[in-house]
Amino acid sequence: MTNKPLHFFLVDDNDIDLAVNAKLIRLLGVPCQVSPFRNCSEFLKAIEGSVIENSQERLILLIDIQMPVMSGFECVDHLNKFKSETLQKFQIFMLSANIDKEQIDQASLFPCIHKLLEKPLDVFQLKQLVSSL
């Protein structure tokens, strides 16, 4: 893994998934910050006013696909409307309890999405993905 600090942004409407995924991320054994959000609006509002473009952290977004009000794909679409420097800072992984062909097809429309991951997170797989970025 690179020497840059990691900052995970977790977006999920399920409190249990947020708590479990935060704990699993800490099992990676690397120093990192974890910022949980219960919906896409909270996440977008938080990063809109931040100085992410100047951040020296590696920013990783783990976002659930199926959420009320705004889906994970809709959130990524909104993120695409930010300055390109903001979007380029993020490594984006979509999360789903059951990945189907429709979700795979939809994810392929977003070149910024690195991979679809199945819930619950697999720590070993996540560590490999993070170290390959």
Foldseek 3Di string as FASTA:
>chain_A
DDPAEAEEEEEALDPVLLVVQVVLQVVLVGDYHYHYDNHLVVVCVVVVPDDLLPDSHQYEYEYEQDDPPAGPLNSVVVVVVPPVSNLVSYQYEYEYQDDDPVNVVSVVVDPSHDYYAYPPHDSVVVSVVVVVD
